[in-house]
Amino acid sequence: MNEDSALVKRGGLEPTERRVGQASAIITIDLLEDIADSLAALREIREDERSEGEELAVNISATTRQEEQQFRHPVSRLQLHLHTITVYNDGPGDLYLRVNLPTASLITLKIRESLVADHAKSKKKITRVYHSSDSTASARIVGKY
């Protein structure tokens, strides 16, 4: 009995057949990992689209310096991804806003004007607002998440 015969009797498969079986098992594991990653991405998209139906109200005071207002859950302090925001400029000056990025398009709100930003169907939800004024301005922001 030679060495190859002993391998066949112990394992039941020839060495080349064993390698093929191991390769197909590795491919199957890779495919399952890809499926799991895809499902996790879909779950994340689904959660982003889902609204909890809650509102968050924030008061801001704008000055001549651009400042950032992040939106956080009142209890958990986790960052919120708002579907919509409504901004009310209570004055006395004009309010300048940028949504999500400090370099985004500048939005000007005159005293007593309001603005609704709706990102409900957008992939990128509202996480922050950058605000400033030519003098000072008080504003209210109501966001829905």
N, C-alpha and C. Protein backbone atom coordinates (compact mmCIF):
# COMPACT_ATOMS: atom_id res chain seq x y z
N MET A 1 0.86 -1.17 0.00
CA MET A 1 0.00 0.00 0.00
C MET A 1 0.90 1.23 0.00
N ASN A 2 0.71 2.13 -0.94
CA ASN A 2 1.54 3.33 -0.99
C ASN A 2 0.89 4.46 -0.19
N GLU A 3 1.59 5.57 -0.11
CA GLU A 3 1.12 6.70 0.71
C GLU A 3 -0.20 7.27 0.19
N ASP A 4 -0.40 7.35 -1.13
CA ASP A 4 -1.64 7.86 -1.70
C ASP A 4 -2.83 6.99 -1.33
N SER A 5 -2.64 5.70 -1.29
CA SER A 5 -3.72 4.80 -0.94
C SER A 5 -4.18 5.04 0.49
N ALA A 6 -3.24 5.32 1.39
CA ALA A 6 -3.59 5.58 2.78
C ALA A 6 -4.43 6.84 2.89
N LEU A 7 -4.11 7.85 2.10
CA LEU A 7 -4.90 9.09 2.12
C LEU A 7 -6.32 8.84 1.67
N VAL A 8 -6.48 8.02 0.64
CA VAL A 8 -7.81 7.74 0.11
C VAL A 8 -8.63 6.99 1.15
N LYS A 9 -8.03 6.03 1.81
CA LYS A 9 -8.77 5.25 2.79
C LYS A 9 -9.13 6.09 4.01
N ARG A 10 -8.23 6.97 4.47
CA ARG A 10 -8.52 7.77 5.66
C ARG A 10 -9.56 8.85 5.39
N GLY A 11 -9.39 9.60 4.30
CA GLY A 11 -10.26 10.73 4.06
C GLY A 11 -11.43 10.41 3.16
N GLY A 12 -11.35 9.36 2.39
CA GLY A 12 -12.42 9.03 1.49
C GLY A 12 -12.35 9.80 0.18
N LEU A 13 -11.52 10.83 0.11
CA LEU A 13 -11.38 11.64 -1.10
C LEU A 13 -9.92 11.75 -1.48
N GLU A 14 -9.67 11.90 -2.73
CA GLU A 14 -8.31 12.14 -3.18
C GLU A 14 -7.91 13.55 -2.76
N PRO A 15 -6.61 13.84 -2.59
CA PRO A 15 -6.15 15.17 -2.17
C PRO A 15 -6.67 16.29 -3.07
N THR A 16 -6.74 16.09 -4.39
CA THR A 16 -7.24 17.15 -5.27
C THR A 16 -8.73 17.39 -5.03
N GLU A 17 -9.49 16.34 -4.77
CA GLU A 17 -10.92 16.50 -4.49
C GLU A 17 -11.13 17.26 -3.19
N ARG A 18 -10.26 17.05 -2.21
CA ARG A 18 -10.34 17.76 -0.94
C ARG A 18 -10.15 19.25 -1.16
N ARG A 19 -9.15 19.62 -1.97
CA ARG A 19 -8.87 21.03 -2.24
C ARG A 19 -10.05 21.70 -2.95
N VAL A 20 -10.68 21.01 -3.86
CA VAL A 20 -11.84 21.56 -4.58
C VAL A 20 -12.98 21.78 -3.58
N GLY A 21 -13.21 20.84 -2.69
CA GLY A 21 -14.26 20.98 -1.67
C GLY A 21 -13.99 22.15 -0.74
N GLN A 22 -12.74 22.36 -0.36
CA GLN A 22 -12.38 23.49 0.50
C GLN A 22 -12.57 24.81 -0.23
N ALA A 23 -12.21 24.85 -1.51
CA ALA A 23 -12.36 26.07 -2.28
C ALA A 23 -13.83 26.44 -2.41
N SER A 24 -14.70 25.47 -2.66
CA SER A 24 -16.13 25.79 -2.78
C SER A 24 -16.71 26.23 -1.44
N ALA A 25 -16.20 25.70 -0.35
CA ALA A 25 -16.65 26.14 0.98
C ALA A 25 -16.24 27.59 1.23
N ILE A 26 -15.04 27.96 0.81
CA ILE A 26 -14.56 29.34 0.97
C ILE A 26 -15.40 30.29 0.12
N ILE A 27 -15.71 29.89 -1.10
CA ILE A 27 -16.55 30.72 -1.98
C ILE A 27 -17.94 30.89 -1.36
N THR A 28 -18.48 29.83 -0.80
CA THR A 28 -19.80 29.92 -0.17
C THR A 28 -19.77 30.87 1.02
N ILE A 29 -18.73 30.81 1.82
CA ILE A 29 -18.60 31.72 2.96
C ILE A 29 -18.50 33.16 2.49
N ASP A 30 -17.70 33.40 1.42
CA ASP A 30 -17.58 34.75 0.87
C ASP A 30 -18.94 35.26 0.39
N LEU A 31 -19.70 34.41 -0.29
CA LEU A 31 -21.02 34.82 -0.76
C LEU A 31 -21.96 35.14 0.40
N LEU A 32 -21.92 34.33 1.43
CA LEU A 32 -22.77 34.58 2.61
C LEU A 32 -22.39 35.90 3.29
N GLU A 33 -21.08 36.21 3.35
CA GLU A 33 -20.65 37.48 3.92
C GLU A 33 -21.13 38.66 3.08
N ASP A 34 -21.08 38.51 1.74
CA ASP A 34 -21.58 39.57 0.86
C ASP A 34 -23.08 39.78 1.05
N ILE A 35 -23.82 38.70 1.18
CA ILE A 35 -25.27 38.80 1.41
C ILE A 35 -25.54 39.49 2.74
N ALA A 36 -24.80 39.14 3.78
CA ALA A 36 -24.98 39.76 5.10
C ALA A 36 -24.68 41.26 5.04
N ASP A 37 -23.63 41.64 4.32
CA ASP A 37 -23.30 43.06 4.16
C ASP A 37 -24.41 43.80 3.42
N SER A 38 -24.95 43.19 2.38
CA SER A 38 -26.03 43.81 1.62
C SER A 38 -27.28 43.98 2.48
N LEU A 39 -27.59 42.98 3.27
CA LEU A 39 -28.76 43.08 4.16
C LEU A 39 -28.57 44.16 5.21
N ALA A 40 -27.36 44.30 5.73
CA ALA A 40 -27.09 45.35 6.71
C ALA A 40 -27.25 46.73 6.07
N ALA A 41 -26.78 46.88 4.83
CA ALA A 41 -26.93 48.16 4.13
C ALA A 41 -28.40 48.47 3.88
N LEU A 42 -29.17 47.47 3.50
CA LEU A 42 -30.61 47.67 3.28
C LEU A 42 -31.32 48.05 4.58
N ARG A 43 -30.94 47.41 5.67
CA ARG A 43 -31.53 47.73 6.97
C ARG A 43 -31.24 49.18 7.35
N GLU A 44 -30.02 49.63 7.08
CA GLU A 44 -29.64 51.00 7.38
C GLU A 44 -30.46 52.00 6.54
N ILE A 45 -30.63 51.69 5.26
CA ILE A 45 -31.44 52.55 4.39
C ILE A 45 -32.87 52.59 4.90
N ARG A 46 -33.40 51.47 5.27
CA ARG A 46 -34.77 51.38 5.77
C ARG A 46 -34.95 52.22 7.04
N GLU A 47 -33.96 52.14 7.94
CA GLU A 47 -34.04 52.92 9.18
C GLU A 47 -33.95 54.41 8.91
N ASP A 48 -33.14 54.81 7.90
CA ASP A 48 -33.04 56.21 7.54
C ASP A 48 -34.36 56.74 6.99
N GLU A 49 -35.08 55.89 6.25
CA GLU A 49 -36.35 56.32 5.65
C GLU A 49 -37.48 56.35 6.67
N ARG A 50 -37.35 55.60 7.73
CA ARG A 50 -38.42 55.48 8.71
C ARG A 50 -38.41 56.68 9.64
N SER A 51 -39.56 57.28 9.80
CA SER A 51 -39.70 58.41 10.71
C SER A 51 -40.30 57.93 12.01
N GLU A 52 -39.78 58.41 13.11
CA GLU A 52 -40.32 58.04 14.41
C GLU A 52 -41.54 58.89 14.77
N GLY A 53 -41.76 59.97 13.99
CA GLY A 53 -42.91 60.83 14.24
C GLY A 53 -42.70 61.79 15.41
N GLU A 54 -41.49 61.93 15.86
CA GLU A 54 -41.19 62.83 16.98
C GLU A 54 -40.71 64.17 16.47
N GLU A 55 -40.86 65.20 17.31
CA GLU A 55 -40.38 66.54 16.98
C GLU A 55 -39.35 67.00 17.99
N LEU A 56 -38.43 67.81 17.51
CA LEU A 56 -37.40 68.41 18.34
C LEU A 56 -37.43 69.91 18.09
N ALA A 57 -37.55 70.70 19.14
CA ALA A 57 -37.55 72.17 19.01
C ALA A 57 -36.27 72.72 19.62
N VAL A 58 -35.61 73.62 18.87
CA VAL A 58 -34.34 74.21 19.30
C VAL A 58 -34.42 75.72 19.07
N ASN A 59 -33.94 76.49 20.04
CA ASN A 59 -33.82 77.94 19.88
C ASN A 59 -32.35 78.26 19.64
N ILE A 60 -32.10 79.12 18.66
CA ILE A 60 -30.72 79.53 18.37
C ILE A 60 -30.61 81.04 18.40
N SER A 61 -29.41 81.50 18.69
CA SER A 61 -29.09 82.93 18.63
C SER A 61 -27.94 83.09 17.65
N ALA A 62 -28.23 83.74 16.54
CA ALA A 62 -27.22 83.91 15.50
C ALA A 62 -26.48 85.23 15.70
N THR A 63 -25.19 85.21 15.45
CA THR A 63 -24.34 86.40 15.51
C THR A 63 -23.63 86.55 14.17
N THR A 64 -22.68 87.45 14.10
CA THR A 64 -21.96 87.67 12.85
C THR A 64 -21.01 86.51 12.53
N ARG A 65 -20.74 85.66 13.49
CA ARG A 65 -19.87 84.50 13.27
C ARG A 65 -20.72 83.27 12.95
N GLN A 66 -20.35 82.52 11.92
CA GLN A 66 -21.10 81.30 11.57
C GLN A 66 -20.89 80.25 12.65
N GLU A 67 -21.99 79.71 13.15
CA GLU A 67 -21.93 78.67 14.18
C GLU A 67 -22.73 77.46 13.73
N GLU A 68 -22.42 76.33 14.34
CA GLU A 68 -23.04 75.06 13.98
C GLU A 68 -24.07 74.66 15.04
N GLN A 69 -25.23 74.19 14.58
CA GLN A 69 -26.24 73.63 15.48
C GLN A 69 -26.46 72.18 15.07
N GLN A 70 -26.02 71.27 15.93
CA GLN A 70 -26.27 69.85 15.68
C GLN A 70 -27.59 69.47 16.33
N PHE A 71 -28.19 68.41 15.82
CA PHE A 71 -29.46 67.94 16.37
C PHE A 71 -29.23 66.60 17.07
N ARG A 72 -29.52 66.58 18.36
CA ARG A 72 -29.30 65.39 19.18
C ARG A 72 -30.58 64.98 19.88
N HIS A 73 -30.73 63.68 20.08
CA HIS A 73 -31.89 63.16 20.79
C HIS A 73 -31.88 63.70 22.21
N PRO A 74 -33.02 64.18 22.71
CA PRO A 74 -33.04 64.81 24.04
C PRO A 74 -32.66 63.86 25.20
N VAL A 75 -32.87 62.57 25.03
CA VAL A 75 -32.56 61.63 26.11
C VAL A 75 -31.22 60.92 25.86
N SER A 76 -31.08 60.29 24.71
CA SER A 76 -29.88 59.49 24.45
C SER A 76 -28.68 60.33 24.02
N ARG A 77 -28.92 61.55 23.57
CA ARG A 77 -27.89 62.48 23.08
C ARG A 77 -27.23 61.97 21.78
N LEU A 78 -27.83 60.95 21.15
CA LEU A 78 -27.32 60.49 19.86
C LEU A 78 -27.71 61.49 18.78
N GLN A 79 -26.87 61.56 17.74
CA GLN A 79 -27.16 62.49 16.65
C GLN A 79 -28.44 62.06 15.92
N LEU A 80 -29.31 63.03 15.66
CA LEU A 80 -30.55 62.76 14.95
C LEU A 80 -30.37 63.01 13.47
N HIS A 81 -31.13 62.28 12.68
CA HIS A 81 -31.19 62.47 11.24
C HIS A 81 -32.61 62.93 10.95
N LEU A 82 -32.77 64.26 10.84
CA LEU A 82 -34.10 64.84 10.70
C LEU A 82 -34.61 64.73 9.28
N HIS A 83 -35.89 64.43 9.17
CA HIS A 83 -36.53 64.35 7.86
C HIS A 83 -36.90 65.74 7.35
N THR A 84 -37.39 66.58 8.25
CA THR A 84 -37.75 67.96 7.88
C THR A 84 -37.38 68.90 9.02
N ILE A 85 -37.12 70.16 8.65
CA ILE A 85 -36.99 71.20 9.66
C ILE A 85 -37.79 72.42 9.19
N THR A 86 -38.33 73.13 10.15
CA THR A 86 -38.97 74.42 9.90
C THR A 86 -38.23 75.44 10.74
N VAL A 87 -37.76 76.51 10.10
CA VAL A 87 -36.99 77.54 10.78
C VAL A 87 -37.82 78.82 10.77
N TYR A 88 -37.96 79.44 11.94
CA TYR A 88 -38.69 80.70 12.09
C TYR A 88 -37.69 81.77 12.55
N ASN A 89 -37.54 82.84 11.77
CA ASN A 89 -36.64 83.93 12.15
C ASN A 89 -37.43 84.95 12.95
N ASP A 90 -37.10 85.07 14.25
CA ASP A 90 -37.77 86.02 15.13
C ASP A 90 -37.05 87.37 15.16
N GLY A 91 -35.93 87.50 14.44
CA GLY A 91 -35.23 88.79 14.33
C GLY A 91 -34.34 89.11 15.52
N PRO A 92 -33.84 90.29 15.60
CA PRO A 92 -34.17 91.47 14.80
C PRO A 92 -33.47 91.54 13.45
N GLY A 93 -32.42 90.75 13.22
CA GLY A 93 -31.70 90.83 11.95
C GLY A 93 -32.05 89.69 11.02
N ASP A 94 -31.46 89.74 9.82
CA ASP A 94 -31.62 88.64 8.87
C ASP A 94 -30.86 87.42 9.37
N LEU A 95 -31.35 86.25 9.02
CA LEU A 95 -30.74 84.99 9.43
C LEU A 95 -30.21 84.30 8.18
N TYR A 96 -28.95 83.85 8.25
CA TYR A 96 -28.33 83.14 7.14
C TYR A 96 -28.10 81.70 7.57
N LEU A 97 -28.57 80.77 6.73
CA LEU A 97 -28.50 79.34 7.06
C LEU A 97 -27.81 78.55 5.97
N ARG A 98 -27.18 77.47 6.39
CA ARG A 98 -26.65 76.45 5.49
C ARG A 98 -27.02 75.11 6.11
N VAL A 99 -27.53 74.19 5.30
CA VAL A 99 -27.99 72.90 5.80
C VAL A 99 -26.92 71.83 5.56
N ASN A 100 -26.53 71.16 6.62
CA ASN A 100 -25.61 70.01 6.66
C ASN A 100 -24.13 70.34 6.45
N LEU A 101 -23.81 71.25 5.56
CA LEU A 101 -22.40 71.56 5.28
C LEU A 101 -22.14 73.05 5.44
N PRO A 102 -20.97 73.43 5.99
CA PRO A 102 -20.67 74.85 6.14
C PRO A 102 -20.47 75.56 4.80
N THR A 103 -20.33 74.78 3.72
CA THR A 103 -20.15 75.37 2.39
C THR A 103 -21.39 75.22 1.51
N ALA A 104 -22.49 74.73 2.07
CA ALA A 104 -23.73 74.54 1.30
C ALA A 104 -24.28 75.90 0.88
N SER A 105 -25.26 75.88 -0.01
CA SER A 105 -25.88 77.12 -0.49
C SER A 105 -26.41 77.93 0.68
N LEU A 106 -26.18 79.24 0.60
CA LEU A 106 -26.62 80.15 1.67
C LEU A 106 -28.10 80.47 1.49
N ILE A 107 -28.86 80.33 2.56
CA ILE A 107 -30.29 80.64 2.57
C ILE A 107 -30.48 81.85 3.47
N THR A 108 -31.18 82.87 2.98
CA THR A 108 -31.42 84.08 3.76
C THR A 108 -32.88 84.13 4.19
N LEU A 109 -33.09 84.34 5.48
CA LEU A 109 -34.44 84.52 6.03
C LEU A 109 -34.55 85.92 6.62
N LYS A 110 -35.46 86.70 6.11
CA LYS A 110 -35.73 88.04 6.66
C LYS A 110 -36.52 87.86 7.96
N ILE A 111 -36.60 88.93 8.74
CA ILE A 111 -37.33 88.88 10.00
C ILE A 111 -38.78 88.44 9.75
N ARG A 112 -39.27 87.56 10.59
CA ARG A 112 -40.60 86.97 10.56
C ARG A 112 -40.86 86.03 9.37
N GLU A 113 -39.82 85.69 8.64
CA GLU A 113 -39.97 84.69 7.57
C GLU A 113 -39.70 83.31 8.14
N SER A 114 -40.22 82.31 7.44
CA SER A 114 -39.95 80.92 7.85
C SER A 114 -39.52 80.12 6.62
N LEU A 115 -38.93 79.00 6.90
CA LEU A 115 -38.42 78.12 5.85
C LEU A 115 -38.69 76.68 6.24
N VAL A 116 -39.10 75.87 5.28
CA VAL A 116 -39.25 74.43 5.50
C VAL A 116 -38.26 73.73 4.60
N ALA A 117 -37.41 72.92 5.18
CA ALA A 117 -36.46 72.09 4.43
C ALA A 117 -36.91 70.64 4.61
N ASP A 118 -37.27 70.01 3.50
CA ASP A 118 -37.81 68.65 3.53
C ASP A 118 -36.82 67.69 2.89
N HIS A 119 -36.25 66.83 3.71
CA HIS A 119 -35.31 65.81 3.23
C HIS A 119 -35.88 64.41 3.44
N ALA A 120 -37.20 64.30 3.55
CA ALA A 120 -37.84 63.02 3.84
C ALA A 120 -37.51 61.97 2.78
N LYS A 121 -37.45 62.37 1.52
CA LYS A 121 -37.17 61.40 0.46
C LYS A 121 -35.72 61.42 0.02
N SER A 122 -34.93 62.25 0.65
CA SER A 122 -33.51 62.34 0.33
C SER A 122 -32.73 61.26 1.07
N LYS A 123 -31.68 60.79 0.48
CA LYS A 123 -30.83 59.80 1.15
C LYS A 123 -30.09 60.45 2.32
N LYS A 124 -29.70 61.71 2.16
CA LYS A 124 -28.97 62.45 3.20
C LYS A 124 -29.96 63.26 4.03
N LYS A 125 -30.14 62.88 5.27
CA LYS A 125 -31.05 63.59 6.17
C LYS A 125 -30.35 64.81 6.76
N ILE A 126 -31.09 65.63 7.47
CA ILE A 126 -30.55 66.85 8.06
C ILE A 126 -29.95 66.51 9.42
N THR A 127 -28.67 66.77 9.57
CA THR A 127 -27.99 66.48 10.84
C THR A 127 -27.52 67.74 11.55
N ARG A 128 -27.40 68.84 10.80
CA ARG A 128 -26.92 70.09 11.39
C ARG A 128 -27.29 71.27 10.52
N VAL A 129 -27.29 72.43 11.14
CA VAL A 129 -27.54 73.69 10.45
C VAL A 129 -26.44 74.66 10.87
N TYR A 130 -25.89 75.39 9.91
CA TYR A 130 -24.92 76.44 10.20
C TYR A 130 -25.67 77.75 10.08
N HIS A 131 -25.49 78.64 11.07
CA HIS A 131 -26.26 79.88 11.08
C HIS A 131 -25.38 81.07 11.42
N SER A 132 -25.78 82.23 10.87
CA SER A 132 -25.13 83.49 11.18
C SER A 132 -26.12 84.60 10.88
N SER A 133 -25.71 85.84 11.19
CA SER A 133 -26.56 87.00 10.96
C SER A 133 -25.67 88.19 10.63
N ASP A 134 -26.28 89.21 10.04
CA ASP A 134 -25.49 90.43 9.79
C ASP A 134 -25.34 91.24 11.08
N SER A 135 -26.20 91.01 12.05
CA SER A 135 -26.08 91.62 13.38
C SER A 135 -26.37 90.54 14.40
N THR A 136 -27.60 90.43 14.80
CA THR A 136 -28.03 89.32 15.66
C THR A 136 -29.43 88.90 15.22
N ALA A 137 -29.74 87.65 15.47
CA ALA A 137 -31.08 87.14 15.16
C ALA A 137 -31.36 85.95 16.06
N SER A 138 -32.59 85.88 16.51
CA SER A 138 -33.06 84.72 17.26
C SER A 138 -33.96 83.91 16.34
N ALA A 139 -33.85 82.61 16.44
CA ALA A 139 -34.66 81.76 15.57
C ALA A 139 -35.07 80.51 16.32
N ARG A 140 -36.16 79.92 15.83
CA ARG A 140 -36.64 78.64 16.35
C ARG A 140 -36.55 77.63 15.23
N ILE A 141 -36.06 76.45 15.56
CA ILE A 141 -35.99 75.36 14.58
C ILE A 141 -36.80 74.18 15.14
N VAL A 142 -37.75 73.73 14.36
CA VAL A 142 -38.54 72.55 14.73
C VAL A 142 -38.23 71.47 13.71
N GLY A 143 -37.69 70.36 14.19
CA GLY A 143 -37.32 69.26 13.30
C GLY A 143 -38.14 68.02 13.59
N LYS A 144 -38.39 67.25 12.56
CA LYS A 144 -39.11 65.97 12.71
C LYS A 144 -38.17 64.84 12.38
N TYR A 145 -38.17 63.82 13.23
CA TYR A 145 -37.31 62.66 13.01
C TYR A 145 -38.10 61.39 13.18
